[in-house]
Amino acid sequence: MTVSVRNVAVFSLGGTIAMTTDPTTGGVVPALSAHELLAAVPALATSGIGLKVRDFRRLPGASLTFEDLTALSAAITAELEAGDVDGVVITQGTDTIEETAFLLDLYHGHEQPVVVTGAMRNPTLPGADGPANLHAAVLAAADPSLKGAGCLVVLGDEIHSARTVRKSHTTSPAAFTSPACGPIARVAENRVRLVGGLPQRGPLVGAPTREARVGLYTVTLGDDGALLDLWDGSCDGLVVAAFGVGHVPERLVEGLTKLASRIPVVLASRIGNGPVLSDTYGFPGSEKDLLGRGLIGAGDLSPYQARLLLHALLTQGADGAAVRETFTTTASAR
């Protein structure tokens, strides 16, 4: 008889990993429970890892909300503070895994790792990857070497930091990558093998105390700024996904300057890999020009991550100075 020496809590949110065919539409929908997902991974029964299982939501990843994730974070915290869990696994749809992981990492102040996983191929397809990903995620959550690593993403036997992971393909089983640095570890022969140091943690943010709306504006070729004007008075903060290292058309400069005088406006790169610069280009609409006009640099955060961090700060009541300080600190962390 195998004795459980480590314990992992599993929260199921739905997504492709939990989908089966709907006889009415012929398409797949979230239907499988957390227990049904684990039943498809018989190797876990002899892993020596005890599992605490909870069906939390049954939704596509695209339908998860801030309210869902705030509630999930609170449930994770309660589980960890009970003192008998060595790590947490979350199964969900891959559409929003990189955003979920980043947001949960902002809320996660404990040493136990929180591991997010899912599947690119639903259970009705040949070569469905859900069981293998769930197995690797549980092994990672239970492994002492990942203590203090924060929130992680595990798919394809690779373990990625929430800060660096990106979904880089719409259908490939190898869709999740960390373009700037690669995974921090891999799973092989049923154990975690670190390939680098643990990620440096970013800021911790408390649970929301108020509502906030944060917009995301993507700059495009020939942009005349008319759509940018629609955000004026409609949001509490704005992230601008700019060209390259942080550039926008000159015709947008006046509108962004006006917005930045009233609300926090964060300058990110729409590329999603590499930093926004601060002191290289000097033309109107360049990163140096915009930062000098009051915009806040996102560092190497993607526009989606910058939006999540800005939203988390504003729901805590942070003012512009506090937002700027946090983004400055976060930009120097990796």
Protein backbone atom coordinates (compact mmCIF):
# COMPACT_ATOMS: atom_id res chain seq x y z
CA MET A 1 0.00 0.00 0.00
CA THR A 2 1.35 3.42 -1.01
CA VAL A 3 1.47 5.96 1.80
CA SER A 4 0.70 9.57 0.85
CA VAL A 5 3.54 11.82 1.91
CA ARG A 6 2.52 14.96 0.00
CA ASN A 7 -0.93 16.50 -0.50
CA VAL A 8 -2.23 18.57 -3.42
CA ALA A 9 -5.53 20.41 -3.75
CA VAL A 10 -7.07 20.32 -7.24
CA PHE A 11 -9.54 22.98 -8.38
CA SER A 12 -11.37 22.39 -11.65
CA LEU A 13 -12.65 25.39 -13.63
CA GLY A 14 -13.70 23.67 -16.87
CA GLY A 15 -12.08 24.37 -20.23
CA THR A 16 -10.94 22.06 -23.05
CA ILE A 17 -9.42 19.58 -20.61
CA ALA A 18 -12.93 18.94 -19.21
CA MET A 19 -14.92 18.97 -22.46
CA THR A 20 -17.11 16.32 -24.06
CA THR A 21 -19.36 16.40 -27.10
CA ASP A 22 -22.73 18.11 -26.75
CA PRO A 23 -25.21 15.89 -28.64
CA THR A 24 -27.36 18.91 -29.49
CA THR A 25 -24.72 21.11 -31.11
CA GLY A 26 -22.07 18.54 -32.00
CA GLY A 27 -19.42 20.78 -30.46
CA VAL A 28 -17.54 20.15 -27.23
CA VAL A 29 -18.50 21.88 -23.98
CA PRO A 30 -17.16 21.76 -20.40
CA ALA A 31 -18.84 18.79 -18.70
CA LEU A 32 -16.33 16.59 -16.87
CA SER A 33 -15.93 16.93 -13.10
CA ALA A 34 -12.58 17.17 -11.35
CA HIS A 35 -12.99 13.58 -10.14
CA GLU A 36 -13.60 12.43 -13.72
CA LEU A 37 -10.48 14.26 -14.89
CA LEU A 38 -8.36 12.57 -12.21
CA ALA A 39 -9.87 9.17 -13.00
CA ALA A 40 -8.28 9.47 -16.46
CA VAL A 41 -4.82 9.58 -14.82
CA PRO A 42 -4.38 6.19 -13.10
CA ALA A 43 -0.70 6.87 -12.41
CA LEU A 44 -1.73 9.35 -9.71
CA ALA A 45 -3.16 6.49 -7.63
CA THR A 46 0.36 5.14 -7.06
CA SER A 47 2.20 8.47 -6.94
CA GLY A 48 2.21 8.80 -3.15
CA ILE A 49 0.39 12.12 -3.48
CA GLY A 50 -2.89 12.67 -1.68
CA LEU A 51 -5.50 14.68 -3.59
CA LYS A 52 -8.18 17.04 -2.30
CA VAL A 53 -10.55 17.67 -5.19
CA ARG A 54 -12.99 20.50 -5.74
CA ASP A 55 -15.25 21.37 -8.67
CA PHE A 56 -15.07 25.14 -8.65
CA ARG A 57 -16.51 26.18 -12.04
CA ARG A 58 -17.45 24.53 -15.32
CA LEU A 59 -16.79 27.28 -17.83
CA PRO A 60 -14.80 27.83 -21.01
CA GLY A 61 -11.61 29.75 -20.28
CA ALA A 62 -12.96 32.69 -22.27
CA SER A 63 -15.89 33.09 -19.86
CA LEU A 64 -13.90 33.36 -16.62
CA THR A 65 -14.28 36.72 -14.87
CA PHE A 66 -12.40 38.78 -12.30
CA GLU A 67 -15.05 37.70 -9.79
CA ASP A 68 -14.37 34.01 -10.53
CA LEU A 69 -10.64 34.46 -10.02
CA THR A 70 -11.01 36.56 -6.89
CA ALA A 71 -13.18 33.82 -5.42
CA LEU A 72 -10.69 31.17 -6.55
CA SER A 73 -7.80 33.05 -4.95
CA ALA A 74 -9.71 33.24 -1.67
CA ALA A 75 -10.47 29.50 -1.81
CA ILE A 76 -6.81 28.71 -2.50
CA THR A 77 -5.70 30.89 0.40
CA ALA A 78 -8.14 29.15 2.76
CA GLU A 79 -6.89 25.74 1.59
CA LEU A 80 -3.25 26.67 2.11
CA GLU A 81 -3.84 28.27 5.50
CA ALA A 82 -5.47 25.05 6.69
CA GLY A 83 -1.92 23.72 6.73
CA ASP A 84 -2.26 20.27 5.16
CA VAL A 85 -1.64 21.03 1.48
CA ASP A 86 1.78 21.15 -0.18
CA GLY A 87 0.61 22.67 -3.44
CA VAL A 88 -2.40 23.52 -5.60
CA VAL A 89 -3.38 22.54 -9.14
CA ILE A 90 -5.93 24.44 -11.22
CA THR A 91 -7.38 22.98 -14.42
CA GLN A 92 -8.92 25.43 -16.86
CA GLY A 93 -9.27 26.46 -20.48
CA THR A 94 -6.06 27.48 -22.22
CA ASP A 95 -7.60 30.64 -23.74
CA THR A 96 -6.87 32.57 -20.56
CA ILE A 97 -4.23 30.49 -18.75
CA GLU A 98 -1.47 33.07 -19.07
CA GLU A 99 -3.74 35.78 -17.66
CA THR A 100 -5.16 33.60 -14.89
CA ALA A 101 -1.70 32.51 -13.78
CA PHE A 102 -0.37 36.07 -13.71
CA LEU A 103 -3.34 37.41 -11.75
CA LEU A 104 -3.27 34.55 -9.24
CA ASP A 105 0.45 35.15 -8.78
CA LEU A 106 -0.30 38.76 -7.78
CA TYR A 107 -2.63 37.47 -5.05
CA HIS A 108 -0.51 34.49 -3.93
CA GLY A 109 1.51 35.18 -0.80
CA HIS A 110 2.27 31.62 0.31
CA GLU A 111 5.26 29.35 -0.26
CA GLN A 112 3.31 26.44 -1.75
CA PRO A 113 3.29 26.46 -5.56
CA VAL A 114 0.05 27.06 -7.44
CA VAL A 115 0.12 25.25 -10.78
CA VAL A 116 -2.26 26.03 -13.65
CA THR A 117 -2.75 23.48 -16.42
CA GLY A 118 -5.17 22.58 -19.19
CA ALA A 119 -5.26 20.87 -22.56
CA MET A 120 -4.92 21.83 -26.18
CA ARG A 121 -6.71 18.66 -27.37
CA ASN A 122 -10.07 17.83 -25.82
CA PRO A 123 -10.75 14.29 -24.53
CA THR A 124 -12.63 13.26 -27.69
CA LEU A 125 -9.54 13.74 -29.90
CA PRO A 126 -6.69 11.28 -30.61
CA GLY A 127 -3.71 12.10 -28.46
CA ALA A 128 -5.64 14.17 -25.92
CA ASP A 129 -3.02 15.84 -23.74
CA GLY A 130 -5.14 16.59 -20.67
CA PRO A 131 -4.25 13.49 -18.60
CA ALA A 132 -0.50 13.93 -19.15
CA ASN A 133 -0.67 17.63 -18.34
CA LEU A 134 -2.69 16.97 -15.17
CA HIS A 135 -0.23 14.29 -14.07
CA ALA A 136 2.74 16.63 -14.58
CA ALA A 137 0.94 19.48 -12.82
CA VAL A 138 0.24 17.39 -9.72
CA LEU A 139 3.86 16.21 -9.59
CA ALA A 140 5.02 19.82 -9.87
CA ALA A 141 2.63 21.07 -7.19
CA ALA A 142 3.86 18.39 -4.79
CA ASP A 143 7.57 18.88 -5.44
CA PRO A 144 9.51 20.64 -2.63
CA SER A 145 11.98 22.12 -5.12
CA LEU A 146 9.26 24.50 -6.38
CA LYS A 147 8.48 25.90 -2.95
CA GLY A 148 8.42 29.68 -3.20
CA ALA A 149 8.07 29.70 -7.00
CA GLY A 150 4.64 31.35 -6.90
CA CYS A 151 2.16 30.57 -9.64
CA LEU A 152 3.33 28.33 -12.48
CA VAL A 153 1.97 26.97 -15.76
CA VAL A 154 2.55 23.32 -16.68
CA LEU A 155 1.80 21.85 -20.11
CA GLY A 156 3.79 19.48 -22.30
CA ASP A 157 5.98 18.47 -19.33
CA GLU A 158 7.36 22.01 -19.15
CA ILE A 159 7.06 24.26 -16.10
CA HIS A 160 6.83 27.98 -16.81
CA SER A 161 6.78 31.05 -14.60
CA ALA A 162 3.52 33.02 -14.63
CA ARG A 163 5.58 36.13 -15.42
CA THR A 164 7.14 34.77 -18.61
CA VAL A 165 4.69 32.27 -20.10
CA ARG A 166 2.81 33.01 -23.31
CA LYS A 167 0.30 31.05 -25.36
CA SER A 168 2.05 31.18 -28.71
CA HIS A 169 -0.09 28.95 -30.95
CA THR A 170 -3.82 28.42 -31.32
CA THR A 171 -3.84 24.62 -31.66
CA SER A 172 -0.40 23.09 -31.08
CA PRO A 173 0.08 20.89 -27.99
CA ALA A 174 3.36 22.79 -27.57
CA ALA A 175 1.56 26.14 -27.52
CA PHE A 176 2.88 27.37 -24.15
CA THR A 177 6.36 28.86 -24.17
CA SER A 178 8.44 31.43 -22.33
CA PRO A 179 9.97 33.26 -25.31
CA ALA A 180 12.40 35.37 -23.29
CA CYS A 181 13.95 32.66 -21.14
CA GLY A 182 12.42 29.21 -21.60
CA PRO A 183 10.84 27.02 -18.90
CA ILE A 184 12.20 26.98 -15.36
CA ALA A 185 11.87 23.19 -15.10
CA ARG A 186 10.71 20.05 -16.87
CA VAL A 187 9.03 16.87 -15.72
CA ALA A 188 10.73 13.59 -16.66
CA GLU A 189 10.62 10.13 -15.08
CA ASN A 190 7.94 11.36 -12.68
CA ARG A 191 10.05 14.08 -11.11
CA VAL A 192 10.74 17.77 -11.52
CA ARG A 193 14.10 18.71 -13.03
CA LEU A 194 15.02 22.37 -12.59
CA VAL A 195 16.80 23.97 -15.53
CA GLY A 196 17.34 27.34 -13.87
CA GLY A 197 16.72 29.25 -10.71
CA LEU A 198 13.25 29.88 -9.34
CA PRO A 199 11.58 33.02 -10.74
CA GLN A 200 11.86 36.28 -8.87
CA ARG A 201 8.43 37.13 -7.51
CA GLY A 202 6.67 40.32 -8.47
CA PRO A 203 4.48 42.50 -6.25
CA LEU A 204 1.78 41.04 -4.02
CA VAL A 205 -1.60 42.73 -4.26
CA GLY A 206 -4.47 42.35 -1.81
CA ALA A 207 -8.01 41.31 -2.67
CA PRO A 208 -10.16 43.93 -4.45
CA THR A 209 -11.93 46.48 -2.29
CA ARG A 210 -13.63 48.42 -5.08
CA GLU A 211 -14.53 48.09 -8.75
CA ALA A 212 -12.37 49.43 -11.56
CA ARG A 213 -12.43 49.39 -15.34
CA VAL A 214 -9.13 49.21 -17.19
CA GLY A 215 -9.02 49.53 -20.95
CA LEU A 216 -6.58 48.04 -23.44
CA TYR A 217 -5.89 50.04 -26.58
CA THR A 218 -3.83 48.45 -29.37
CA VAL A 219 -2.03 50.86 -31.68
CA THR A 220 -2.17 50.01 -35.39
CA LEU A 221 -0.73 51.32 -38.65
CA GLY A 222 -2.50 54.49 -39.74
CA ASP A 223 -4.17 54.94 -36.34
CA ASP A 224 -5.84 58.37 -36.22
CA GLY A 225 -6.68 58.28 -32.50
CA ALA A 226 -10.45 58.50 -32.96
CA LEU A 227 -11.03 55.23 -31.07
CA LEU A 228 -8.64 56.33 -28.35
CA ASP A 229 -10.94 59.26 -27.61
CA LEU A 230 -13.72 56.82 -26.73
CA TRP A 231 -11.80 55.75 -23.62
CA ASP A 232 -11.80 59.27 -22.22
CA GLY A 233 -14.17 59.24 -19.23
CA SER A 234 -14.95 55.54 -19.68
CA CYS A 235 -12.17 53.88 -17.68
CA ASP A 236 -10.16 54.24 -14.48
CA GLY A 237 -6.91 53.29 -16.18
CA LEU A 238 -5.64 52.45 -19.65
CA VAL A 239 -2.93 50.22 -21.11
CA VAL A 240 -1.57 51.17 -24.52
CA ALA A 241 -0.17 48.29 -26.57
CA ALA A 242 2.27 50.30 -28.65
CA PHE A 243 4.54 49.52 -31.58
CA GLY A 244 7.97 48.04 -30.92
CA VAL A 245 9.74 49.39 -27.85
CA GLY A 246 6.88 51.79 -27.03
CA HIS A 247 6.02 53.98 -30.02
CA VAL A 248 2.75 55.46 -31.25
CA PRO A 249 1.78 57.67 -34.22
CA GLU A 250 2.39 61.37 -33.50
CA ARG A 251 -1.31 62.13 -33.89
CA LEU A 252 -2.03 60.08 -30.74
CA VAL A 253 0.35 62.06 -28.52
CA GLU A 254 -2.04 64.85 -27.59
CA GLY A 255 -4.84 62.46 -26.65
CA LEU A 256 -2.53 60.26 -24.56
CA THR A 257 -1.09 63.29 -22.78
CA LYS A 258 -4.60 64.42 -21.86
CA LEU A 259 -5.57 60.97 -20.61
CA ALA A 260 -2.36 60.56 -18.58
CA SER A 261 -3.12 63.80 -16.75
CA ARG A 262 -6.34 62.27 -15.42
CA ILE A 263 -5.84 58.50 -15.09
CA PRO A 264 -2.88 56.07 -15.04
CA VAL A 265 -1.89 55.24 -18.60
CA VAL A 266 0.59 52.36 -18.96
CA LEU A 267 2.79 52.03 -22.02
CA ALA A 268 3.38 48.40 -23.09
CA SER A 269 4.57 46.77 -26.31
CA ARG A 270 2.10 44.90 -28.48
CA ILE A 271 4.88 42.44 -29.40
CA GLY A 272 4.65 40.60 -26.09
CA ASN A 273 8.35 39.71 -25.86
CA GLY A 274 10.97 42.23 -24.77
CA PRO A 275 10.84 45.47 -22.83
CA VAL A 276 9.46 48.92 -23.42
CA LEU A 277 12.51 51.19 -23.52
CA SER A 278 12.81 54.48 -21.65
CA ASP A 279 15.60 56.61 -23.07
CA THR A 280 16.56 55.68 -26.64
CA TYR A 281 14.17 57.25 -29.17
CA GLY A 282 13.23 60.91 -28.90
CA PHE A 283 10.75 61.71 -31.68
CA PRO A 284 7.13 62.73 -30.91
CA GLY A 285 5.31 59.52 -30.00
CA SER A 286 8.50 57.71 -28.98
CA GLU A 287 8.88 55.97 -25.63
CA LYS A 288 11.03 58.82 -24.22
CA ASP A 289 8.48 61.40 -25.35
CA LEU A 290 5.50 59.49 -23.94
CA LEU A 291 7.09 58.69 -20.58
CA GLY A 292 8.02 62.36 -20.29
CA ARG A 293 4.34 63.20 -20.78
CA GLY A 294 3.27 61.10 -17.80
CA LEU A 295 2.74 57.62 -19.22
CA ILE A 296 4.01 54.71 -17.11
CA GLY A 297 6.36 52.12 -18.60
CA ALA A 298 5.30 48.45 -18.40
CA GLY A 299 8.83 47.06 -18.60
CA ASP A 300 8.67 43.58 -20.10
CA LEU A 301 5.08 42.89 -19.07
CA SER A 302 2.81 42.03 -21.95
CA PRO A 303 -0.18 44.36 -22.51
CA TYR A 304 -2.45 41.70 -20.97
CA GLN A 305 -0.26 41.39 -17.87
CA ALA A 306 0.02 45.16 -17.56
CA ARG A 307 -3.76 45.43 -17.67
CA LEU A 308 -4.13 42.82 -14.93
CA LEU A 309 -1.59 44.51 -12.67
CA LEU A 310 -3.12 47.94 -13.23
CA HIS A 311 -6.60 46.56 -12.55
CA ALA A 312 -5.44 44.84 -9.35
CA LEU A 313 -3.82 48.05 -8.10
CA LEU A 314 -6.81 50.25 -8.90
CA THR A 315 -9.23 47.86 -7.20
CA GLN A 316 -7.07 48.36 -4.10
CA GLY A 317 -7.51 52.12 -4.40
CA ALA A 318 -3.93 52.86 -5.52
CA ASP A 319 -3.31 56.38 -6.80
CA GLY A 320 -1.15 57.33 -9.75
CA ALA A 321 2.04 57.59 -7.69
CA ALA A 322 1.54 54.12 -6.18
CA VAL A 323 0.81 52.67 -9.62
CA ARG A 324 3.97 54.21 -11.04
CA GLU A 325 6.09 52.93 -8.15
CA THR A 326 4.74 49.38 -8.49
CA PHE A 327 5.29 49.25 -12.24
CA THR A 328 8.81 50.64 -11.81
CA THR A 329 9.60 47.94 -9.25
CA THR A 330 7.98 45.21 -11.33
CA ALA A 331 9.88 46.24 -14.44
CA SER A 332 13.18 45.49 -12.68
CA ALA A 333 12.05 42.06 -11.40
CA ARG A 334 12.35 38.85 -13.44
